[in-house]
Every structure is written in structure tokens, then in C-alpha cells.
Protein backbone atom coordinates (compact mmCIF):
# COMPACT_ATOMS: atom_id res chain seq x y z
CA MET A 1 -40.87 113.42 -71.62
CA ASN A 2 -39.70 109.93 -70.73
CA GLN A 3 -40.61 107.58 -73.57
CA ARG A 4 -42.42 104.41 -72.64
CA ASN A 5 -41.32 100.97 -73.75
CA VAL A 6 -43.72 99.22 -76.12
CA ILE A 7 -44.40 95.52 -76.61
CA VAL A 8 -46.73 94.20 -79.31
CA PHE A 9 -47.80 90.58 -78.92
CA LEU A 10 -49.15 89.35 -82.23
CA CYS A 11 -50.78 86.01 -83.04
CA ASP A 12 -51.46 84.54 -86.45
CA GLN A 13 -55.02 83.51 -87.32
CA LEU A 14 -56.46 83.89 -83.81
CA ARG A 15 -60.21 84.44 -83.63
CA PRO A 16 -61.40 86.24 -80.48
CA ASP A 17 -64.28 83.90 -79.63
CA PHE A 18 -61.69 81.32 -78.57
CA LEU A 19 -60.48 83.57 -75.75
CA ARG A 20 -61.81 83.87 -72.21
CA ILE A 21 -61.80 87.66 -72.48
CA TYR A 22 -64.37 87.32 -75.27
CA GLY A 23 -66.55 84.79 -73.46
CA CYS A 24 -64.97 81.38 -74.16
CA GLU A 25 -64.66 79.27 -71.00
CA ALA A 26 -62.92 76.32 -72.65
CA ILE A 27 -59.33 77.55 -72.80
CA PRO A 28 -57.16 78.62 -69.83
CA THR A 29 -55.43 81.88 -70.79
CA PRO A 30 -54.39 83.50 -67.50
CA ASN A 31 -51.79 85.76 -69.10
CA ILE A 32 -54.02 87.19 -71.83
CA ASP A 33 -56.58 87.66 -69.04
CA ARG A 34 -53.86 89.45 -67.11
CA LEU A 35 -53.37 91.90 -69.96
CA ALA A 36 -57.11 92.54 -70.18
CA ALA A 37 -57.25 93.24 -66.45
CA ARG A 38 -54.56 95.89 -66.92
CA GLY A 39 -56.25 97.76 -69.74
CA ILE A 40 -58.96 97.92 -72.37
CA VAL A 41 -60.47 95.13 -74.45
CA PHE A 42 -61.87 96.22 -77.81
CA ASP A 43 -65.05 94.33 -78.64
CA ARG A 44 -65.33 95.42 -82.26
CA GLY A 45 -61.78 94.92 -83.49
CA ILE A 46 -61.43 93.64 -87.05
CA THR A 47 -58.66 93.01 -89.54
CA GLN A 48 -58.29 95.29 -92.55
CA ALA A 49 -57.16 92.36 -94.71
CA THR A 50 -58.17 88.73 -94.24
CA VAL A 51 -54.88 87.14 -95.26
CA CYS A 52 -51.47 87.25 -93.58
CA GLY A 53 -49.22 89.26 -95.90
CA PRO A 54 -51.63 92.14 -96.57
CA ALA A 55 -52.67 92.32 -92.91
CA ARG A 56 -49.08 92.49 -91.73
CA ALA A 57 -48.24 95.10 -94.35
CA THR A 58 -51.11 97.18 -92.95
CA MET A 59 -49.58 96.96 -89.48
CA MET A 60 -46.21 98.11 -90.81
CA THR A 61 -47.60 101.06 -92.79
CA GLY A 62 -50.96 102.09 -91.31
CA ARG A 63 -52.47 101.71 -94.78
CA TYR A 64 -55.07 99.53 -96.43
CA ALA A 65 -54.01 96.82 -98.86
CA SER A 66 -55.25 98.82 -101.86
CA ASP A 67 -52.77 101.50 -100.78
CA HIS A 68 -49.64 99.61 -99.66
CA GLY A 69 -49.92 97.23 -102.61
CA VAL A 70 -49.62 93.89 -100.78
CA TRP A 71 -52.97 92.64 -102.02
CA THR A 72 -52.22 88.96 -101.29
CA ASN A 73 -49.40 86.85 -99.87
CA ASN A 74 -45.95 86.89 -101.48
CA VAL A 75 -46.40 90.34 -103.05
CA PRO A 76 -43.93 93.17 -102.28
CA PHE A 77 -44.87 96.55 -100.85
CA ARG A 78 -45.19 99.41 -103.29
CA ASP A 79 -42.37 101.94 -103.36
CA GLY A 80 -42.39 105.18 -101.42
CA LEU A 81 -43.81 104.00 -98.10
CA GLU A 82 -42.61 104.65 -94.59
CA TYR A 83 -42.66 101.86 -92.03
CA LEU A 84 -43.39 101.69 -88.32
CA PRO A 85 -39.97 100.30 -87.28
CA GLN A 86 -38.18 103.06 -89.19
CA ARG A 87 -40.30 105.69 -87.48
CA MET A 88 -39.56 104.19 -84.07
CA ASN A 89 -35.84 104.16 -84.89
CA GLU A 90 -36.07 107.89 -85.64
CA LEU A 91 -37.73 108.42 -82.26
CA GLY A 92 -34.73 106.90 -80.52
CA TYR A 93 -36.05 103.41 -79.78
CA ALA A 94 -34.19 100.13 -79.74
CA THR A 95 -36.38 98.11 -82.12
CA ALA A 96 -36.59 94.34 -82.43
CA SER A 97 -38.79 91.70 -84.02
CA PHE A 98 -39.16 88.06 -83.04
CA GLY A 99 -40.96 85.40 -85.04
CA LYS A 100 -43.03 85.91 -88.15
CA LEU A 101 -43.08 89.10 -90.23
CA HIS A 102 -44.26 87.60 -93.56
CA HIS A 103 -42.94 90.32 -95.86
CA VAL A 104 -41.50 90.16 -99.36
CA PRO A 105 -38.56 89.73 -99.65
CA PHE A 106 -38.91 87.22 -96.82
CA ASP A 107 -35.95 88.65 -94.90
CA ASP A 108 -37.11 92.27 -95.20
CA ALA A 109 -37.40 93.55 -91.63
CA LYS A 110 -38.72 97.01 -92.61
CA GLY A 111 -36.19 98.70 -90.35
CA PHE A 112 -36.18 96.59 -87.18
CA GLN A 113 -32.66 96.83 -85.82
CA HIS A 114 -32.61 93.35 -84.30
CA VAL A 115 -34.49 90.47 -85.95
CA ARG A 116 -34.92 86.78 -85.19
CA PHE A 117 -36.96 85.07 -87.89
CA MET A 118 -39.34 82.15 -87.79
CA GLU A 119 -40.82 82.38 -91.27
CA GLU A 120 -42.69 79.10 -91.89
CA ASN A 121 -39.88 77.67 -94.06
CA ARG A 122 -39.91 80.68 -96.42
CA LEU A 123 -36.29 81.44 -95.54
CA LYS A 124 -35.21 77.80 -95.87
CA GLU A 125 -31.79 77.27 -94.27
CA ARG A 126 -31.51 80.99 -93.39
CA ASP A 127 -34.37 80.79 -90.90
CA ASP A 128 -33.06 81.64 -87.42
CA TYR A 129 -35.30 79.16 -85.62
CA LEU A 130 -34.43 76.37 -88.03
CA GLN A 131 -30.72 77.00 -87.54
CA TRP A 132 -31.20 76.89 -83.77
CA LEU A 133 -33.27 73.70 -83.95
CA LYS A 134 -30.79 71.96 -86.27
CA GLN A 135 -28.06 72.48 -83.68
CA ARG A 136 -30.12 70.22 -81.42
CA HIS A 137 -31.61 67.94 -84.06
CA PRO A 138 -29.41 67.89 -87.20
CA GLU A 139 -31.87 65.64 -89.00
CA VAL A 140 -34.69 68.22 -89.21
CA THR A 141 -35.33 69.78 -92.61
CA GLY A 142 -37.90 72.45 -91.77
CA VAL A 143 -39.36 74.49 -88.95
CA PHE A 144 -42.40 72.24 -88.51
CA ASN A 145 -41.77 68.88 -86.90
CA ARG A 146 -44.71 66.87 -85.64
CA ILE A 147 -45.99 63.39 -85.02
CA GLY A 148 -49.71 63.22 -85.63
CA ASN A 149 -51.26 66.36 -84.15
CA LYS A 150 -48.48 67.33 -81.76
CA PHE A 151 -44.99 68.77 -81.83
CA LYS A 152 -42.28 66.13 -82.10
CA PHE A 153 -39.91 67.53 -79.50
CA SER A 154 -40.25 69.05 -76.02
CA GLU A 155 -41.95 72.38 -75.33
CA ASP A 156 -38.67 74.21 -74.73
CA GLU A 157 -37.78 73.52 -78.39
CA TYR A 158 -41.17 74.57 -79.77
CA TYR A 159 -41.09 77.63 -82.01
CA GLU A 160 -43.37 79.72 -79.76
CA HIS A 161 -41.08 79.00 -76.79
CA TRP A 162 -38.06 79.95 -78.91
CA ILE A 163 -39.69 83.23 -79.98
CA ALA A 164 -40.40 84.16 -76.36
CA SER A 165 -36.88 83.14 -75.26
CA GLU A 166 -35.26 85.27 -77.95
CA ALA A 167 -37.37 88.23 -76.85
CA ILE A 168 -36.48 87.65 -73.20
CA ASP A 169 -32.75 87.59 -73.97
CA TYR A 170 -33.03 90.77 -76.01
CA LEU A 171 -35.02 92.61 -73.34
CA SER A 172 -32.47 91.65 -70.70
CA ALA A 173 -29.60 93.06 -72.73
CA THR A 174 -31.47 96.21 -73.76
CA VAL A 175 -32.67 97.05 -70.26
CA LYS A 176 -29.16 96.40 -68.88
CA GLU A 177 -27.75 98.78 -71.49
CA GLY A 178 -30.31 101.33 -70.35
CA ALA A 179 -29.66 103.91 -73.06
CA ARG A 180 -32.90 103.70 -75.05
CA PRO A 181 -36.52 102.65 -74.63
CA PHE A 182 -37.40 99.44 -76.44
CA PHE A 183 -40.02 98.52 -79.03
CA ALA A 184 -40.44 94.73 -79.21
CA TRP A 185 -42.64 93.10 -81.88
CA ILE A 186 -43.24 89.55 -80.62
CA SER A 187 -45.03 87.69 -83.39
CA PHE A 188 -46.08 84.12 -82.68
CA GLN A 189 -46.63 81.59 -85.47
CA GLY A 190 -49.79 80.11 -83.99
CA PRO A 191 -52.52 79.23 -83.77
CA HIS A 192 -52.05 79.21 -87.57
CA GLY A 193 -51.56 75.66 -88.82
CA PRO A 194 -50.08 73.17 -88.85
CA LEU A 195 -52.01 72.33 -85.70
CA ASP A 196 -49.09 70.92 -83.71
CA PRO A 197 -49.33 71.89 -80.01
CA PRO A 198 -46.56 70.48 -77.80
CA ALA A 199 -47.37 67.52 -75.57
CA GLU A 200 -47.18 69.72 -72.48
CA VAL A 201 -50.48 71.45 -73.34
CA LYS A 202 -52.36 68.43 -74.69
CA GLY A 203 -55.54 67.86 -72.68
CA SER A 204 -55.61 71.42 -71.32
CA VAL A 205 -58.79 72.39 -73.20
CA ASP A 206 -62.42 71.58 -72.47
CA THR A 207 -63.57 70.62 -75.97
CA GLY A 208 -67.20 70.55 -74.91
CA LYS A 209 -67.11 74.30 -74.21
CA LEU A 210 -65.43 75.33 -77.46
CA PRO A 211 -67.47 77.25 -80.06
CA ARG A 212 -69.23 74.85 -82.42
CA PRO A 213 -68.92 75.26 -86.19
CA ILE A 214 -71.58 77.38 -87.89
CA SER A 215 -73.58 75.83 -90.73
CA ARG A 216 -75.59 77.62 -93.40
CA VAL A 217 -79.36 77.78 -93.18
CA GLU A 218 -79.95 79.52 -96.51
CA LEU A 219 -78.49 76.84 -98.75
CA ASP A 220 -80.02 78.30 -101.90
CA ASP A 221 -78.35 81.68 -101.42
CA VAL A 222 -74.59 81.09 -101.49
CA CYS A 223 -72.06 83.40 -103.11
CA PRO A 224 -70.35 81.60 -106.04
CA VAL A 225 -66.94 82.51 -104.58
CA HIS A 226 -67.87 80.74 -101.36
CA TYR A 227 -69.22 77.69 -103.15
CA TYR A 228 -66.08 77.22 -105.21
CA ARG A 229 -63.97 77.62 -102.08
CA GLU A 230 -66.01 75.02 -100.19
CA VAL A 231 -65.53 72.54 -103.02
CA TYR A 232 -61.85 72.99 -103.83
CA ASP A 233 -60.69 73.32 -100.21
CA GLY A 234 -62.30 70.05 -99.18
CA THR A 235 -62.73 71.19 -95.57
CA PRO A 236 -63.99 68.35 -93.35
CA THR A 237 -67.72 68.65 -92.66
CA ALA A 238 -68.13 66.07 -89.88
CA GLU A 239 -68.47 67.98 -86.61
CA ASP A 240 -66.36 65.53 -84.62
CA VAL A 241 -63.47 66.04 -87.05
CA ILE A 242 -63.87 69.81 -86.91
CA MET A 243 -63.96 69.76 -83.11
CA GLU A 244 -60.76 67.70 -83.02
CA MET A 245 -59.18 70.37 -85.23
CA ARG A 246 -60.56 73.13 -83.01
CA THR A 247 -59.19 71.42 -79.91
CA ALA A 248 -55.64 71.38 -81.31
CA TYR A 249 -56.11 75.03 -82.35
CA ALA A 250 -57.19 75.85 -78.79
CA GLU A 251 -54.22 73.98 -77.30
CA MET A 252 -51.92 76.14 -79.41
CA ILE A 253 -53.59 79.19 -77.85
CA VAL A 254 -52.78 77.76 -74.41
CA GLU A 255 -49.15 77.45 -75.46
CA ILE A 256 -49.02 81.02 -76.74
CA ASP A 257 -50.53 82.25 -73.48
CA ARG A 258 -47.80 80.42 -71.56
CA GLN A 259 -45.13 82.18 -73.61
CA ILE A 260 -46.77 85.59 -73.16
CA GLY A 261 -46.65 84.86 -69.43
CA ARG A 262 -42.93 84.13 -69.58
CA VAL A 263 -42.28 87.47 -71.27
CA LEU A 264 -44.51 89.41 -68.86
CA ASP A 265 -42.88 87.79 -65.84
CA HIS A 266 -39.46 88.68 -67.22
CA VAL A 267 -40.42 92.30 -67.87
CA GLU A 268 -41.59 92.50 -64.27
CA SER A 269 -38.34 90.92 -63.02
CA LEU A 270 -36.39 93.57 -64.95
CA GLY A 271 -38.29 96.28 -63.06
CA VAL A 272 -39.62 98.03 -66.18
CA MET A 273 -43.24 96.89 -66.27
CA GLU A 274 -44.54 100.22 -64.98
CA GLU A 275 -42.97 102.01 -67.93
CA THR A 276 -44.05 99.51 -70.59
CA THR A 277 -47.26 99.67 -72.64
CA ILE A 278 -48.50 96.45 -74.24
CA VAL A 279 -50.70 95.74 -77.26
CA PHE A 280 -52.13 92.27 -77.95
CA SER A 281 -53.79 91.31 -81.23
CA ALA A 282 -53.76 89.04 -84.29
CA ASP A 283 -53.48 89.56 -88.04
CA HIS A 284 -56.89 87.94 -88.70
CA GLY A 285 -59.04 85.03 -87.58
CA ASP A 286 -59.82 81.53 -88.88
CA LEU A 287 -63.10 80.06 -90.07
CA MET A 288 -62.21 76.67 -88.54
CA GLY A 289 -64.99 74.86 -90.35
CA ASP A 290 -67.61 77.61 -90.24
CA PHE A 291 -69.83 77.56 -93.34
CA GLY A 292 -67.93 74.55 -94.64
CA MET A 293 -64.67 76.48 -95.01
CA ASN A 294 -61.32 76.69 -93.31
CA ALA A 295 -58.67 79.33 -92.64
CA LYS A 296 -59.48 82.68 -94.31
CA GLY A 297 -60.39 84.24 -97.62
CA PRO A 298 -62.79 86.58 -99.43
CA PHE A 299 -65.62 86.43 -96.89
CA VAL A 300 -67.35 88.78 -94.47
CA TYR A 301 -67.73 86.18 -91.74
CA HIS A 302 -66.87 87.08 -88.17
CA GLY A 303 -64.69 84.04 -87.49
CA GLN A 304 -62.01 85.32 -89.86
CA LEU A 305 -62.71 89.07 -89.84
CA ALA A 306 -62.74 89.70 -86.08
CA VAL A 307 -59.49 89.98 -84.14
CA PRO A 308 -58.69 90.24 -80.44
CA LEU A 309 -57.43 93.69 -79.54
CA VAL A 310 -56.16 94.73 -76.11
CA LEU A 311 -54.33 97.86 -74.99
CA ALA A 312 -52.73 97.31 -71.60
CA ASN A 313 -50.58 98.87 -68.93
CA HIS A 314 -50.74 102.47 -70.12
CA PRO A 315 -51.07 105.47 -67.78
CA GLY A 316 -54.52 106.96 -67.55
CA ILE A 317 -56.47 104.18 -69.22
CA PRO A 318 -59.13 102.41 -67.15
CA LEU A 319 -58.30 98.93 -65.89
CA GLY A 320 -60.43 95.98 -66.88
CA ALA A 321 -62.41 98.17 -69.27
CA ARG A 322 -64.12 97.38 -72.55
CA SER A 323 -64.61 99.56 -75.59
CA ASP A 324 -67.10 99.34 -78.43
CA ALA A 325 -65.06 101.78 -80.54
CA LEU A 326 -64.62 100.71 -84.14
CA ALA A 327 -60.95 99.76 -84.26
CA GLY A 328 -58.68 97.39 -86.10
CA ILE A 329 -55.18 96.21 -86.81
CA ILE A 330 -54.66 99.32 -88.94
CA ASP A 331 -54.62 101.25 -85.65
CA ILE A 332 -51.71 99.33 -84.13
CA PRO A 333 -48.92 101.43 -85.75
CA GLY A 334 -50.69 104.72 -84.98
CA THR A 335 -51.09 103.61 -81.36
CA VAL A 336 -47.43 102.62 -81.05
CA LEU A 337 -46.31 106.00 -82.40
CA ASP A 338 -48.72 107.84 -80.10
CA ILE A 339 -47.33 105.95 -77.10
CA ALA A 340 -43.83 106.87 -78.25
CA GLY A 341 -44.72 110.57 -78.36
CA ALA A 342 -44.57 111.03 -82.13
CA GLU A 343 -45.87 114.36 -83.43
CA ARG A 344 -47.62 112.70 -86.36
CA GLY A 345 -49.11 109.33 -87.14
CA ILE A 346 -48.56 106.99 -90.06
CA GLY A 347 -50.77 106.39 -93.08
CA MET A 348 -54.46 106.15 -92.21
CA SER A 349 -53.81 104.61 -88.81
CA ARG A 350 -55.60 105.98 -85.75
CA SER A 351 -54.45 105.76 -82.14
CA LEU A 352 -56.45 103.51 -79.84
CA LEU A 353 -55.70 106.01 -77.09
CA GLU A 354 -57.59 108.63 -79.09
CA LEU A 355 -60.45 106.34 -80.13
CA VAL A 356 -61.34 105.50 -76.51
CA ARG A 357 -61.44 109.12 -75.35
CA GLU A 358 -64.91 110.44 -74.55
CA ASP A 359 -64.06 113.64 -76.40
CA CYS A 360 -62.61 111.88 -79.47
CA ALA A 361 -62.93 114.47 -82.24
CA TYR A 362 -63.60 111.94 -84.99
CA PRO A 363 -64.88 108.61 -83.67
CA ARG A 364 -64.76 106.11 -86.47
CA GLU A 365 -68.23 105.57 -87.97
CA VAL A 366 -67.41 102.75 -90.36
CA GLN A 367 -64.57 100.26 -90.87
CA PHE A 368 -63.16 98.98 -94.14
CA SER A 369 -61.59 95.63 -94.92
CA GLU A 370 -60.74 93.82 -98.14
CA HIS A 371 -59.37 90.66 -99.68
CA GLY A 372 -57.67 92.03 -102.77
CA ASP A 373 -60.40 92.87 -105.26
CA SER A 374 -62.34 89.71 -104.40
CA VAL A 375 -64.46 91.41 -101.74
CA LYS A 376 -64.73 94.87 -100.20
CA ILE A 377 -66.20 95.02 -96.70
CA ALA A 378 -67.73 97.87 -94.70
CA ASP A 379 -68.81 97.52 -91.08
CA ASN A 380 -70.53 100.12 -88.87
CA GLY A 381 -70.48 98.09 -85.68
CA ARG A 382 -73.94 96.62 -86.11
CA TYR A 383 -74.30 95.88 -89.81
CA ARG A 384 -71.63 94.21 -91.89
CA PHE A 385 -71.69 94.55 -95.67
CA GLY A 386 -69.68 92.84 -98.38
CA TYR A 387 -69.52 93.66 -102.09
CA TYR A 388 -67.95 91.28 -104.62
CA PRO A 389 -66.71 93.45 -107.53
CA PHE A 390 -67.69 92.36 -111.05
CA LEU A 391 -69.80 89.58 -109.61
CA GLY A 392 -72.43 91.96 -108.30
CA TRP A 393 -72.93 89.76 -105.26
CA MET A 394 -73.62 91.52 -101.97
CA GLU A 395 -74.11 90.40 -98.39
CA LEU A 396 -75.57 92.31 -95.46
CA TYR A 397 -75.84 90.96 -91.92
CA ASP A 398 -77.34 92.47 -88.79
CA ARG A 399 -74.78 91.26 -86.28
CA GLU A 400 -76.83 92.46 -83.34
CA LYS A 401 -79.83 90.27 -84.21
CA ASP A 402 -77.99 87.65 -86.26
CA PRO A 403 -74.49 87.20 -84.80
CA ARG A 404 -74.07 83.86 -86.59
CA GLU A 405 -74.55 85.63 -89.93
CA GLN A 406 -77.23 83.29 -91.21
CA HIS A 407 -79.62 85.66 -92.96
CA ASN A 408 -78.44 87.82 -95.85
CA LEU A 409 -80.61 90.96 -95.76
CA VAL A 410 -79.38 92.55 -98.97
CA LYS A 411 -82.43 91.63 -101.09
CA LEU A 412 -84.99 92.95 -98.61
CA PRO A 413 -86.38 96.30 -99.82
CA GLN A 414 -86.27 97.91 -96.37
CA TYR A 415 -82.46 97.66 -96.42
CA ALA A 416 -81.94 99.23 -99.85
CA GLY A 417 -80.97 102.59 -98.35
CA LEU A 418 -78.43 100.99 -96.01
CA VAL A 419 -76.92 99.02 -98.89
CA GLY A 420 -76.56 102.27 -100.82
CA GLU A 421 -74.78 103.92 -97.89
CA PHE A 422 -72.33 101.04 -97.56
CA LEU A 423 -71.56 101.13 -101.28
CA LYS A 424 -70.78 104.84 -100.94
CA HIS A 425 -68.41 104.07 -98.07
CA ILE A 426 -66.61 101.45 -100.17
CA VAL A 427 -66.17 103.94 -103.03
CA ASP A 428 -64.83 106.52 -100.55
CA PHE A 429 -62.28 104.09 -99.13
CA GLY A 430 -61.18 103.14 -102.62
CA ILE A 431 -60.46 106.81 -103.35
CA LEU A 432 -58.60 107.25 -100.06
CA CYS A 433 -56.40 104.26 -100.89
CA LYS A 434 -55.38 105.53 -104.31
CA GLY A 435 -54.98 109.11 -103.04
CA VAL A 436 -57.53 111.93 -102.94
CA GLU A 437 -57.21 113.91 -106.18
CA ILE A 438 -59.52 116.93 -105.88
CA PRO A 439 -58.35 120.42 -106.91
CA LEU A 440 -58.21 122.42 -103.69
CA LYS A 441 -60.40 125.16 -105.14
CA ASP A 442 -63.13 122.55 -105.56
CA PHE A 443 -62.41 120.71 -102.32
CA VAL A 444 -65.19 122.41 -100.38
CA PRO A 445 -65.38 122.28 -96.55
CA GLU A 446 -68.22 119.77 -96.52
CA GLN A 447 -66.25 117.41 -98.72
CA GLN A 448 -63.14 117.85 -96.60
CA GLU A 449 -65.16 117.00 -93.51
CA GLY A 450 -66.35 113.81 -95.20
CA VAL A 451 -62.75 112.80 -95.85
CA ARG A 452 -61.70 113.79 -92.34
CA SER A 453 -64.41 111.56 -90.83
CA LYS A 454 -62.61 108.55 -92.34
CA TRP A 455 -59.06 109.88 -92.10
CA PRO A 456 -58.53 112.75 -89.66
CA GLY A 457 -54.93 113.31 -90.74
CA PHE A 458 -55.55 113.31 -94.48
CA ALA A 459 -54.26 116.87 -95.00
CA GLU A 460 -50.67 115.65 -94.51
CA GLU A 461 -50.87 113.89 -97.88
CA VAL A 462 -52.96 116.35 -99.90
CA PRO A 463 -50.85 117.96 -102.63
CA ALA A 464 -50.85 121.77 -102.38
CA GLU A 465 -51.64 123.91 -105.37
CA ALA A 466 -52.33 127.54 -106.27
CA LEU A 467 -54.57 129.10 -103.63
CA LEU A 468 -57.62 131.29 -104.17
CA SER A 469 -56.98 134.88 -105.17
CA GLU A 470 -57.94 137.68 -102.82
CA GLN A 471 -60.76 138.61 -105.19
CA GLN A 472 -62.13 135.07 -105.08
CA LYS A 473 -61.89 135.02 -101.30
CA ALA A 474 -63.77 138.30 -101.10
CA ARG A 475 -66.61 136.84 -103.17
CA LEU A 476 -66.81 133.84 -100.87
CA ARG A 477 -66.92 136.02 -97.75
CA ALA A 478 -69.62 138.18 -99.31
CA ALA A 479 -71.71 135.03 -99.82
CA GLY A 480 -71.15 133.94 -96.22
CA LEU A 481 -68.86 131.07 -97.22
CA SER A 482 -65.43 130.04 -95.97
CA ALA A 483 -62.61 131.78 -97.79
CA ASP A 484 -59.82 129.71 -96.21
CA TYR A 485 -60.81 126.13 -96.99
CA ALA A 486 -58.22 125.78 -99.77
CA THR A 487 -55.28 126.36 -97.44
CA ILE A 488 -54.92 122.69 -96.46
CA GLY A 489 -52.21 120.50 -97.91
CA ARG A 490 -48.46 120.29 -97.72
CA ARG A 491 -48.15 124.03 -98.11
CA GLY A 492 -49.74 124.44 -94.71
CA GLU A 493 -52.83 123.18 -92.98
CA LYS A 494 -55.54 125.56 -91.84
């Protein structure tokens, strides 16, 4: 089988409601629209961690933060993990990363063979973009250089332009070499702050059509964590100030779209577009003034939890389609490996190609996200639930009837059963993250099916142990029960 090339376009802190493909008419994004027209847009995509480092660790490992160990920024991965780039290397791919990885150590590429870093000043003088920029402007001391709310130099020296250019040069050389398929991870810095769009995109956004900030209506029912965050962050509350901030954020999206277009045009010029599958997403969103808060944190709110997610240019998928499958950034590595023809996935990641199939064996019924141990979130596509450990605070929103998440339903008696179900889901995900430790003799089929509903490939990581004796199996058969359920695990799956 000929292996397809794979490109992942990743943004930092991009919320989907600022994109035309999710209904926003304020921002021209013809190239993201172009990707959507060539594939499937996921309407219920969320992040599995609402801060950069943990989210990006999830995309490298296919695991939740409670599993891979990167519970917040600037924390290293736990030992013993396998990483997506390493797996793609083993499959014979030429692998490369451009832009931001945000791992610890800061120059840890997790196996990418070719890397060009733009790491928000974390690498200091070793940052590839900074070195390139200093050749042109020796006076600069960091990767961010702005005057007011715009980039100080011309667009062709902007970091997003540099990231795209580095990717273009690499793709040219790799395609010319022709020996291996390529896997390119193109990770833009924006629209994460500082909000510094280049002058070339200033004025390109219709501010009047941008989403307006969401305010609270239940002012006497605020989680203490939220209240402290509102106070110590000091986020501007005046709507005109917030809209000015949102306009610069939107202009950065325009710039990213322009750079995606440059890469797509170049792939087409190389003659390899028909054999290249593309994924577009973000690590998480940005509150941008919603509920009096900025950026991201331990909250259930859609502005920071939702992510854009597009699978494009793959054989057999419908064009211009939409999916309401429950999916997230945890599924990006599983999708990449599926595209590459891998025989097994990675961690708890699912393949988007599998999730959109009508005959999907295990459609996801609930999603899990977390911000360290500050909040644990479960989402079934309609209702979103958050539990704050040790605080006892809970939130429940009906996103179908209350998409602005104004009315916390958790105290209403008619939702007590639903709250209980979500708490069970959160306990289950906590067990999955630490590793399922159930003696196989006691791991009955019904319990296995419950695990499989959340993690279809779990048997690959179940430790094997002594199996049932023939006498025990005979007793089970005599009672009309399965005698083979304890044969899963590393010793061999049923």
C-alpha cells in the first residue's frame, strides 16, 4: 500500500466560533474554508486539556494529562511513553516539525527528525526563529517584536510567515528526494498572545460581526476558583476594550490563514496534493473576556474548551461534510497513524476516520477533559459537566438549550441522576488514566465492555495473568456464562 503524506496544521488558543466554518462572518479565512470544502468539519471537537503543555503532550501520546503526566505547563512527560513522531519514523516517514511544540525540555522534539523551533522565548538564543530574525535585525532580543498592537517588521519576517516558509522549503526538498512519504507538523504560534498581527492584515476584520463577550447572569452562583481568577487576572471588563482585543486576535487568524494558503498552494505546485491528507485543529481555545476572564484555565466554558477540527483531502471521506461525532485533540495522533497504515493506535487515541463511519463499532458516548486536578470535565455532546475536586463545586450546562452556559443546572433535582452519571464517567476516566488494575478472573465481560466503550483498544495494555483452569471454565459454561473472557491482555486478546 502506498502511504499517504500527512500534514497537521495546528493553532494555539484558537476558538472555533471565530471561524467562518463555524458560523463567524467577520473574518476572511478562504484557506481554512478550502480545507473544510475538501473534507469533514467536526462540530463537537474539544480539547482534552485546557492549557498548552498538557494539550500538546496529549497530541504526542494519545493520552490524557492524568496519564502522560504533563498536568500543567513546564512539566516533563512521565517515563515509559511512546510518541507519535517516533511511531511515524518506524513506519518509514520523513518527519518534521515547524513552530511551537511546548515540551519539557524545551528542545525535546519527541522524535521528529527535522525541527525548526519558535518557542515563545523559552529557548532564548537557541530559538531557530530568533536566530533567523537576528540576522536581519541584530538589535532584537526576543521572538516578539511589536509596536502597540502590531508586529514591528514586515509580514515576511513575522513568525507565522517564517514557520510556513520553513515548512515549504522542507517539503520541496523531501518531495524532490522522493524516497519517503512525509509527516509535517506545522504549529503556528497564534492567535495566542501577544496580540501582534502584522500591518498587512490590519483592517481585514469586520469587528461588528465578531462574537461579543459573554457576561454572567447568575452573579450569586460563581465557583470560587472562577472568582479568584477574575480578580487576580484583572481582565478588562469594558466591552470596547475587549472587542479591540478580539479584533487583533481575529487579525492574527487572518494571518494564519494566509500562511496555510501558502503551504497548500506549494503542496499543489509539487504535484502531491492528491496523496496528502490534512488535519487542522488547535490545542485549546481562549475565553477572550467571556465571564470576565481571559485565555484559559480550570473552566468548562465553550470558548476555551472547544477546538476547530477538520479532516481534509482523504480518499473516501465526503467533501464539505460535517460530523457531530464526539472527537477531540486526543484523536489527532490515532488519526495520523491510521492514515499512515499503522496496525495499532497509540494510547487512548481514536481515529477520526473510524469515528465518522456509520458502522463505527464504538462511537464515543462521552468525552473527558481536565485542567490538572483543578477541574474534571465530562461532555456527552449535549450536556457539559464539571467537577472541582475537594471543593465539591459542580457545574452542569445544557448546551442545546443554553449554548452561552448561563444557567448551572446542577442543583435542580431533576438533574440529579445525570449528575450521578457524569461523576461515574469521571471516576472511570481517572481509572483509565492510572491504568486498569482488575484481576482478569474478576474482569467480567460486562465490565470489559464498559472499559471498551471508552477505550476500544484497552486490551493492548492490560497485564496478563494466570488464566482460568479448565474446571473453572466448565463451571462457567454449565451456568451459561462466557468461559473465555479472561483471555484478554498481553498474553493474547480474545
